[in-house]
Amino acid sequence: MKETEVNTVTRLACLLLVVALFASACGSDDDVTNAATPPEPTPGPTEEPTEVPAATEAGERIETFFVGSELVDCIGEAPQKCMQIKRSADGEVEWFYSSIEGFDYVEGTSYELTVAVSDVDDPPADGSSLRYRLVEIIESTVETAAGLDGTTWSLLGFRDGDLFDAVPEGVEIRLAFEGDRVSGSAGCNNYMGTFTTGGDAVSFGALAATKKLCPPAVMEQEDRFLATMATIETAQMTLDGTLVLAPTAGMTLVFGRAT
């Protein structure tokens, strides 16, 4: 082969090699770019934000009320019936002179409520300066005499209208409920008997007692207690933890939990 032909072939081979290397380099750049640049994410469905209904209106604050199962006589501008409330489970009992919008109170039922409280602009002279609105009834419990089973009580005193006569110091009168039977100490003698319930109604059968004699002051309390027990027709457990046994009219027995 002539030298001229050799040179031509050599140049052609070099040119082809350069073209091949350039194509390879361009291919590498494409691969690096593709690896370094992640694909665009596919957009998913967009969730609309959930709108939570407001529990309160502007200017309101939330309070918890524990409401007792019975109304009490109270005097505002005139004699009226008031609910008994506590603002915490172990708080003081208050008489509630106002009303709670949206709350239908049923006597004989105790409640735990959340209430929205707000100020009233220019309240009337005989009205409350606060507005109360029911937010939620957390719990309601129908208080019945049937809940007495298994409880023991100590007599605090005798109530007659607004008069309260406490049991004298040193005299202990107790009342225990077990099944359909009652027993305890009347102050001097032990007693036992039966009882029946229905709703808040309760009645006691004849009570049998021992026949000991004690000092006159003790016997006076015992006789008064046993005589009143024969007249009892209703039982109510109040918000402050007392048990009230009452006739249709007359003397009422007020008990606290025995310790």
Protein backbone atom coordinates (compact mmCIF):
# COMPACT_ATOMS: atom_id res chain seq x y z
CA MET A 1 0.00 0.00 0.00
CA LYS A 2 1.28 3.40 -0.81
CA GLU A 3 2.22 5.81 1.93
CA THR A 4 -0.52 8.22 0.83
CA GLU A 5 -3.21 5.56 1.19
CA VAL A 6 -1.89 4.55 4.63
CA ASN A 7 -2.07 8.09 5.85
CA THR A 8 -5.62 8.45 4.55
CA VAL A 9 -6.76 5.27 6.34
CA THR A 10 -5.02 6.36 9.53
CA ARG A 11 -6.73 9.75 9.45
CA LEU A 12 -10.09 8.12 8.83
CA ALA A 13 -9.62 5.72 11.76
CA CYS A 14 -8.68 8.57 14.07
CA LEU A 15 -11.71 10.56 12.98
CA LEU A 16 -14.02 7.62 13.67
CA LEU A 17 -12.42 7.13 17.11
CA VAL A 18 -12.95 10.79 18.00
CA VAL A 19 -16.59 10.63 16.90
CA ALA A 20 -17.15 7.47 19.00
CA LEU A 21 -15.53 9.02 22.12
CA PHE A 22 -17.63 12.20 21.72
CA ALA A 23 -20.85 10.23 21.40
CA SER A 24 -19.91 8.17 24.48
CA ALA A 25 -19.17 11.30 26.51
CA CYS A 26 -22.48 12.89 25.53
CA GLY A 27 -24.30 9.73 26.57
CA SER A 28 -22.59 9.78 30.02
CA ASP A 29 -23.63 13.39 30.60
CA ASP A 30 -27.21 12.47 29.88
CA ASP A 31 -27.11 9.60 32.41
CA VAL A 32 -25.62 11.77 35.17
CA THR A 33 -28.18 14.48 34.59
CA ASN A 34 -31.00 11.98 34.73
CA ALA A 35 -29.67 10.39 37.93
CA ALA A 36 -29.09 13.68 39.69
CA THR A 37 -32.48 15.16 38.78
CA PRO A 38 -35.35 13.15 40.37
CA PRO A 39 -38.61 12.94 38.48
CA GLU A 40 -41.27 15.49 39.32
CA PRO A 41 -43.68 14.02 41.93
CA THR A 42 -47.19 13.35 40.78
CA PRO A 43 -49.47 15.69 42.72
CA GLY A 44 -52.06 13.83 44.85
CA PRO A 45 -55.52 14.97 45.85
CA THR A 46 -55.55 18.02 48.09
CA GLU A 47 -57.51 17.64 51.37
CA GLU A 48 -59.67 20.52 52.41
CA PRO A 49 -58.95 21.62 56.00
CA THR A 50 -61.58 20.34 58.47
CA GLU A 51 -63.54 23.12 60.02
CA VAL A 52 -64.12 22.50 63.76
CA PRO A 53 -67.31 24.10 65.01
CA ALA A 54 -66.66 26.71 67.66
CA ALA A 55 -67.67 25.52 71.15
CA THR A 56 -68.06 29.08 72.32
CA GLU A 57 -69.13 32.40 71.02
CA ALA A 58 -67.11 35.59 71.25
CA GLY A 59 -66.62 36.77 74.81
CA GLU A 60 -67.60 33.45 76.42
CA ARG A 61 -65.59 31.33 78.84
CA ILE A 62 -66.15 27.65 79.61
CA GLU A 63 -66.94 26.40 83.12
CA THR A 64 -67.86 23.00 84.54
CA PHE A 65 -70.94 22.73 86.75
CA PHE A 66 -71.89 19.78 88.96
CA VAL A 67 -75.65 20.10 89.50
CA GLY A 68 -77.47 18.42 92.39
CA SER A 69 -80.57 16.29 92.06
CA GLU A 70 -82.92 18.47 94.10
CA LEU A 71 -83.99 22.11 94.14
CA VAL A 72 -83.78 24.19 97.31
CA ASP A 73 -85.87 27.08 98.56
CA CYS A 74 -83.98 30.34 98.09
CA ILE A 75 -84.78 34.04 98.06
CA GLY A 76 -83.69 36.43 95.33
CA GLU A 77 -86.00 39.27 94.43
CA ALA A 78 -88.72 36.90 95.67
CA PRO A 79 -88.89 33.36 97.08
CA GLN A 80 -87.96 30.82 94.41
CA LYS A 81 -86.44 27.40 93.83
CA CYS A 82 -82.70 27.25 93.10
CA MET A 83 -80.46 24.56 91.67
CA GLN A 84 -77.50 23.49 93.77
CA ILE A 85 -74.18 23.57 91.92
CA LYS A 86 -70.48 22.99 92.51
CA ARG A 87 -67.79 24.33 90.20
CA SER A 88 -65.49 21.37 90.87
CA ALA A 89 -66.07 17.86 92.16
CA ASP A 90 -64.79 18.79 95.64
CA GLY A 91 -65.92 22.44 95.59
CA GLU A 92 -68.39 24.25 97.82
CA VAL A 93 -72.11 23.93 97.16
CA GLU A 94 -73.69 27.13 95.81
CA TRP A 95 -77.30 28.10 95.21
CA PHE A 96 -77.77 28.97 91.55
CA TYR A 97 -80.32 31.77 91.14
CA SER A 98 -80.09 32.11 87.36
CA SER A 99 -80.95 29.76 84.47
CA ILE A 100 -78.87 27.99 81.82
CA GLU A 101 -79.99 28.47 78.22
CA GLY A 102 -80.69 25.15 76.50
CA PHE A 103 -80.69 23.13 79.73
CA ASP A 104 -83.88 21.38 80.84
CA TYR A 105 -83.34 20.43 84.47
CA VAL A 106 -85.18 17.34 85.76
CA GLU A 107 -85.44 17.13 89.53
CA GLY A 108 -84.21 13.80 90.83
CA THR A 109 -81.30 13.77 88.36
CA SER A 110 -77.76 14.99 89.00
CA TYR A 111 -75.64 16.40 86.18
CA GLU A 112 -72.11 17.29 85.12
CA LEU A 113 -72.24 20.11 82.55
CA THR A 114 -69.95 22.34 80.55
CA VAL A 115 -71.41 25.83 80.40
CA ALA A 116 -70.41 28.91 78.39
CA VAL A 117 -70.47 32.04 80.58
CA SER A 118 -70.48 35.60 79.28
CA ASP A 119 -71.12 39.09 80.63
CA VAL A 120 -74.48 40.78 80.03
CA ASP A 121 -74.35 44.40 78.86
CA ASP A 122 -76.64 46.64 80.90
CA PRO A 123 -78.38 43.86 82.88
CA PRO A 124 -81.79 44.64 84.38
CA ALA A 125 -81.91 45.56 88.04
CA ASP A 126 -83.53 42.26 88.97
CA GLY A 127 -81.51 40.15 86.49
CA SER A 128 -78.15 38.44 86.42
CA SER A 129 -75.06 40.21 85.10
CA LEU A 130 -73.97 36.88 83.57
CA ARG A 131 -75.44 34.76 80.79
CA TYR A 132 -75.15 30.97 81.00
CA ARG A 133 -75.46 28.73 77.94
CA LEU A 134 -75.32 24.93 77.89
CA VAL A 135 -72.43 23.53 75.84
CA GLU A 136 -72.61 19.84 76.76
CA ILE A 137 -74.18 17.46 79.27
CA ILE A 138 -71.18 15.32 80.18
CA GLU A 139 -73.08 13.00 82.51
CA SER A 140 -76.53 12.67 84.03
CA THR A 141 -77.50 10.27 86.82
CA VAL A 142 -81.00 9.52 88.05
CA GLU A 143 -80.75 9.46 91.84
CA THR A 144 -82.97 6.77 93.33
CA ALA A 145 -83.41 5.24 96.75
CA ALA A 146 -82.25 1.95 95.21
CA GLY A 147 -78.69 3.33 95.43
CA LEU A 148 -78.80 3.07 99.22
CA ASP A 149 -77.93 -0.62 99.26
CA GLY A 150 -74.54 -1.19 100.90
CA THR A 151 -74.27 2.31 102.41
CA THR A 152 -73.92 3.35 106.06
CA TRP A 153 -74.89 6.73 107.47
CA SER A 154 -74.56 8.72 110.68
CA LEU A 155 -77.40 11.04 111.75
CA LEU A 156 -76.35 14.71 111.73
CA GLY A 157 -79.62 16.13 112.99
CA PHE A 158 -83.34 16.78 112.64
CA ARG A 159 -84.65 19.44 110.26
CA ASP A 160 -88.04 21.07 110.57
CA GLY A 161 -88.50 23.77 107.94
CA ASP A 162 -85.63 26.24 108.41
CA LEU A 163 -84.79 24.90 111.85
CA PHE A 164 -82.01 22.34 112.24
CA ASP A 165 -81.44 20.54 115.53
CA ALA A 166 -78.06 18.79 115.52
CA VAL A 167 -77.52 15.49 117.32
CA PRO A 168 -75.76 16.28 120.63
CA GLU A 169 -72.09 15.50 120.94
CA GLY A 170 -71.55 12.04 122.38
CA VAL A 171 -74.73 10.58 120.85
CA GLU A 172 -74.24 8.43 117.76
CA ILE A 173 -77.19 7.26 115.65
CA ARG A 174 -76.32 5.10 112.66
CA LEU A 175 -78.27 3.64 109.75
CA ALA A 176 -77.01 0.86 107.45
CA PHE A 177 -78.72 -0.49 104.31
CA GLU A 178 -78.03 -4.04 103.19
CA GLY A 179 -80.21 -5.76 100.60
CA ASP A 180 -83.78 -5.09 101.76
CA ARG A 181 -82.82 -4.71 105.41
CA VAL A 182 -81.72 -1.85 107.66
CA SER A 183 -79.91 -1.93 110.97
CA GLY A 184 -77.89 0.30 113.23
CA SER A 185 -77.76 2.05 116.56
CA ALA A 186 -80.56 4.40 117.62
CA GLY A 187 -78.26 6.04 120.15
CA CYS A 188 -78.69 3.56 123.00
CA ASN A 189 -80.28 0.43 121.53
CA ASN A 190 -79.54 -1.47 118.36
CA TYR A 191 -82.37 -1.88 115.87
CA MET A 192 -83.15 -3.78 112.68
CA GLY A 193 -85.94 -3.99 110.12
CA THR A 194 -86.82 -3.95 106.42
CA PHE A 195 -87.28 -1.26 103.79
CA THR A 196 -88.66 -0.97 100.26
CA THR A 197 -87.88 1.54 97.50
CA GLY A 198 -89.32 2.82 94.24
CA GLY A 199 -87.79 5.85 92.50
CA ASP A 200 -86.99 8.25 95.32
CA ALA A 201 -89.71 6.71 97.51
CA VAL A 202 -88.68 4.66 100.53
CA SER A 203 -90.61 3.16 103.39
CA PHE A 204 -89.49 1.30 106.47
CA GLY A 205 -91.23 -1.62 108.11
CA ALA A 206 -91.58 -1.88 111.88
CA LEU A 207 -88.15 -1.61 113.50
CA ALA A 208 -87.27 -4.06 116.28
CA ALA A 209 -84.89 -2.75 118.94
CA THR A 210 -83.17 -3.97 122.07
CA LYS A 211 -84.48 -2.74 125.45
CA LYS A 212 -81.52 -1.16 127.22
CA LEU A 213 -81.87 2.02 129.26
CA CYS A 214 -79.48 4.94 128.82
CA PRO A 215 -79.32 8.49 130.23
CA PRO A 216 -82.47 10.55 129.51
CA ALA A 217 -80.73 12.84 127.01
CA VAL A 218 -79.70 9.82 124.92
CA MET A 219 -83.12 8.16 125.17
CA GLU A 220 -84.79 11.39 124.05
CA GLN A 221 -82.75 11.39 120.82
CA GLU A 222 -83.42 7.68 120.29
CA ASP A 223 -87.18 7.99 120.72
CA ARG A 224 -87.26 10.99 118.38
CA PHE A 225 -85.28 9.11 115.72
CA LEU A 226 -87.35 5.91 115.83
CA ALA A 227 -90.62 7.86 115.76
CA THR A 228 -89.48 9.86 112.71
CA MET A 229 -88.30 6.74 110.88
CA ALA A 230 -91.88 5.42 110.95
CA THR A 231 -93.05 8.47 108.92
CA ILE A 232 -90.37 8.51 106.18
CA GLU A 233 -91.56 8.41 102.58
CA THR A 234 -88.69 9.73 100.41
CA ALA A 235 -84.89 9.50 100.29
CA GLN A 236 -82.60 11.95 98.50
CA MET A 237 -78.81 12.04 98.29
CA THR A 238 -77.82 15.68 97.96
CA LEU A 239 -74.94 17.32 96.09
CA ASP A 240 -72.98 17.89 99.32
CA GLY A 241 -73.05 14.15 100.09
CA THR A 242 -75.83 14.04 102.67
CA LEU A 243 -78.81 11.70 102.78
CA VAL A 244 -82.18 13.28 103.53
CA LEU A 245 -85.04 11.05 104.68
CA ALA A 246 -88.32 12.94 104.71
CA PRO A 247 -92.05 12.44 105.27
CA THR A 248 -94.67 14.25 103.21
CA ALA A 249 -94.66 16.91 105.95
CA GLY A 250 -92.89 17.24 109.27
CA MET A 251 -89.52 16.32 110.68
CA THR A 252 -86.71 15.40 108.29
CA LEU A 253 -83.66 13.26 109.10
CA VAL A 254 -80.31 14.47 107.73
CA PHE A 255 -77.42 11.98 107.56
CA GLY A 256 -73.76 12.15 106.59
CA ARG A 257 -71.64 9.25 105.38
CA ALA A 258 -70.42 7.15 108.28
CA THR A 259 -66.67 7.02 108.72
